[in-house]
Amino acid sequence: MRTACEKSLKTTKAPRKSQKHKSVPWWTQELTAMRKTKNYLRRKYQRTRNNEEQREKNKATYFEQNSKYAATIKREKTKSWKEYCNLTTEAKPWNAVYRLAAGKKKKNNTQITTLRKPDGSLTRDMPETLRLMLECFNPEDNELEDNDHH
């Protein structure tokens, strides 16, 4: 059934995005600068070996920058999540949020719409549309109607 549908129905495939430049929606230029600074301070702390007093200063500076960086990431994530939640419609405010949290958000947003029945009317809902598709693709095999060819 699946093979028949794939061969007979046209589908479009989205081009694959490059993994190299993939980013998250909450990332900012400020975070990029903070990450570079944090990495610089970490390397500076790790390279200081002979002077214990300077090593402790570098360690304190690094850990302070690291905690600021982590707090900024958390703040940006929360801000982005709140913006996403505010974009949902007022009629069904938890619809998109629930699907995302439950892992039920579909990656492919194609939907089967209504189909015209043999009598000329349209299907009303998804189960009726699927039943009509099954009837058309898999007609009932009635042995009484079979002739020598069958």
Protein backbone atom coordinates (compact mmCIF):
# COMPACT_ATOMS: atom_id res chain seq x y z
CA MET A 1 0.00 0.00 0.00
CA ARG A 2 2.78 2.37 0.97
CA THR A 3 4.80 1.67 -2.17
CA ALA A 4 1.74 2.23 -4.36
CA CYS A 5 1.04 5.56 -2.66
CA GLU A 6 4.67 6.68 -2.92
CA LYS A 7 4.78 5.87 -6.63
CA SER A 8 1.40 7.35 -7.56
CA LEU A 9 1.23 10.45 -5.33
CA LYS A 10 3.68 13.27 -5.93
CA THR A 11 5.56 14.48 -2.88
CA THR A 12 8.11 17.22 -2.55
CA LYS A 13 11.14 16.77 -0.39
CA ALA A 14 12.63 19.75 1.37
CA PRO A 15 16.32 20.28 0.65
CA ARG A 16 18.54 19.09 3.46
CA LYS A 17 20.08 21.89 5.42
CA SER A 18 23.77 21.93 6.07
CA GLN A 19 24.67 20.74 9.56
CA LYS A 20 27.66 23.07 9.60
CA HIS A 21 25.74 26.31 10.20
CA LYS A 22 22.81 24.94 12.17
CA SER A 23 21.92 27.09 15.15
CA VAL A 24 19.28 27.43 17.84
CA PRO A 25 16.69 30.23 17.72
CA TRP A 26 17.76 31.74 21.05
CA TRP A 27 21.46 32.21 20.15
CA THR A 28 22.66 35.83 19.99
CA GLN A 29 25.81 37.72 19.05
CA GLU A 30 26.25 38.53 22.74
CA LEU A 31 26.48 34.80 23.52
CA THR A 32 29.07 34.33 20.78
CA ALA A 33 31.23 37.10 22.24
CA MET A 34 30.78 35.74 25.78
CA ARG A 35 31.75 32.23 24.64
CA LYS A 36 34.94 33.53 23.03
CA THR A 37 35.83 35.49 26.17
CA LYS A 38 35.09 32.50 28.39
CA ASN A 39 37.27 30.22 26.26
CA TYR A 40 40.07 32.78 26.27
CA LEU A 41 39.94 33.03 30.08
CA ARG A 42 39.87 29.25 30.43
CA ARG A 43 42.96 28.84 28.27
CA LYS A 44 44.70 31.65 30.17
CA TYR A 45 43.89 29.96 33.51
CA GLN A 46 45.06 26.55 32.27
CA ARG A 47 48.37 27.92 30.95
CA THR A 48 49.30 29.73 34.17
CA ARG A 49 51.40 27.20 36.08
CA ASN A 50 54.41 28.81 37.74
CA ASN A 51 52.71 31.67 39.63
CA GLU A 52 50.10 30.33 42.11
CA GLU A 53 48.74 33.79 42.97
CA GLN A 54 48.17 34.67 39.30
CA ARG A 55 46.68 31.23 38.67
CA GLU A 56 44.09 31.78 41.42
CA LYS A 57 43.20 35.21 39.97
CA ASN A 58 42.81 33.71 36.50
CA LYS A 59 40.75 30.85 37.94
CA ALA A 60 38.40 33.25 39.74
CA THR A 61 38.02 35.40 36.61
CA TYR A 62 37.30 32.35 34.47
CA PHE A 63 34.71 30.90 36.86
CA GLU A 64 32.99 34.29 37.17
CA GLN A 65 32.78 34.64 33.38
CA ASN A 66 31.61 31.03 33.04
CA SER A 67 28.74 31.57 35.48
CA LYS A 68 27.71 34.80 33.67
CA TYR A 69 27.77 32.90 30.38
CA ALA A 70 25.61 30.07 31.77
CA ALA A 71 23.14 32.57 33.28
CA THR A 72 22.88 34.45 29.97
CA ILE A 73 22.19 31.21 28.09
CA LYS A 74 19.45 30.30 30.57
CA ARG A 75 17.91 33.80 30.28
CA GLU A 76 17.93 33.69 26.45
CA LYS A 77 16.38 30.21 26.39
CA THR A 78 13.60 31.31 28.75
CA LYS A 79 12.99 34.48 26.75
CA SER A 80 12.80 32.50 23.49
CA TRP A 81 10.40 29.96 25.02
CA LYS A 82 8.10 32.73 26.29
CA GLU A 83 8.07 34.34 22.84
CA TYR A 84 7.21 30.97 21.26
CA CYS A 85 4.38 30.40 23.73
CA ASN A 86 2.97 33.86 23.02
CA LEU A 87 2.79 33.11 19.29
CA THR A 88 0.14 30.41 19.74
CA THR A 89 -3.46 31.26 18.94
CA GLU A 90 -5.87 32.40 21.61
CA ALA A 91 -8.53 29.85 20.63
CA LYS A 92 -6.29 26.88 21.46
CA PRO A 93 -3.45 28.32 23.54
CA TRP A 94 -1.85 25.00 24.55
CA ASN A 95 -2.23 23.20 21.24
CA ALA A 96 1.25 23.78 19.78
CA VAL A 97 2.98 23.86 23.18
CA TYR A 98 1.42 20.53 24.21
CA ARG A 99 2.40 18.86 20.94
CA LEU A 100 5.97 20.09 21.25
CA ALA A 101 6.29 19.04 24.90
CA ALA A 102 4.70 15.64 24.27
CA GLY A 103 6.93 14.99 21.27
CA LYS A 104 3.90 14.76 18.99
CA LYS A 105 4.84 17.64 16.71
CA LYS A 106 5.00 16.22 13.20
CA LYS A 107 7.98 17.07 11.05
CA ASN A 108 6.02 16.72 7.82
CA ASN A 109 3.10 19.12 7.81
CA THR A 110 1.32 17.67 4.79
CA GLN A 111 -2.31 16.91 5.43
CA ILE A 112 -4.79 14.86 3.48
CA THR A 113 -7.76 17.06 2.74
CA THR A 114 -11.17 16.07 1.47
CA LEU A 115 -11.73 13.80 -1.51
CA ARG A 116 -14.72 13.60 -3.85
CA LYS A 117 -16.77 10.43 -3.44
CA PRO A 118 -18.22 8.56 -6.43
CA ASP A 119 -21.64 10.10 -5.68
CA GLY A 120 -20.17 13.62 -5.99
CA SER A 121 -20.12 14.57 -2.29
CA LEU A 122 -16.96 15.34 -0.33
CA THR A 123 -15.50 13.48 2.63
CA ARG A 124 -16.00 15.22 5.98
CA ASP A 125 -13.03 14.11 8.10
CA MET A 126 -9.73 12.24 8.07
CA PRO A 127 -11.10 8.73 8.83
CA GLU A 128 -13.67 9.03 6.04
CA THR A 129 -11.00 10.25 3.59
CA LEU A 130 -8.72 7.34 4.50
CA ARG A 131 -11.58 4.84 4.13
CA LEU A 132 -12.33 6.20 0.65
CA MET A 133 -8.66 5.92 -0.31
CA LEU A 134 -8.55 2.32 0.88
CA GLU A 135 -11.69 1.46 -1.07
CA CYS A 136 -10.27 3.01 -4.24
CA PHE A 137 -6.76 1.54 -3.94
CA ASN A 138 -7.93 -1.85 -2.63
CA PRO A 139 -11.27 -2.69 -4.20
CA GLU A 140 -13.20 -5.54 -2.65
CA ASP A 141 -12.53 -8.89 -4.32
CA ASN A 142 -15.87 -10.49 -5.10
CA GLU A 143 -15.45 -14.03 -6.48
CA LEU A 144 -18.99 -14.02 -7.92
CA GLU A 145 -18.00 -11.26 -10.36
CA ASP A 146 -14.82 -13.06 -11.49
CA ASN A 147 -14.65 -14.31 -15.09
CA ASP A 148 -12.12 -16.58 -16.86
CA HIS A 149 -9.58 -13.76 -16.99
CA HIS A 150 -9.57 -13.41 -13.21
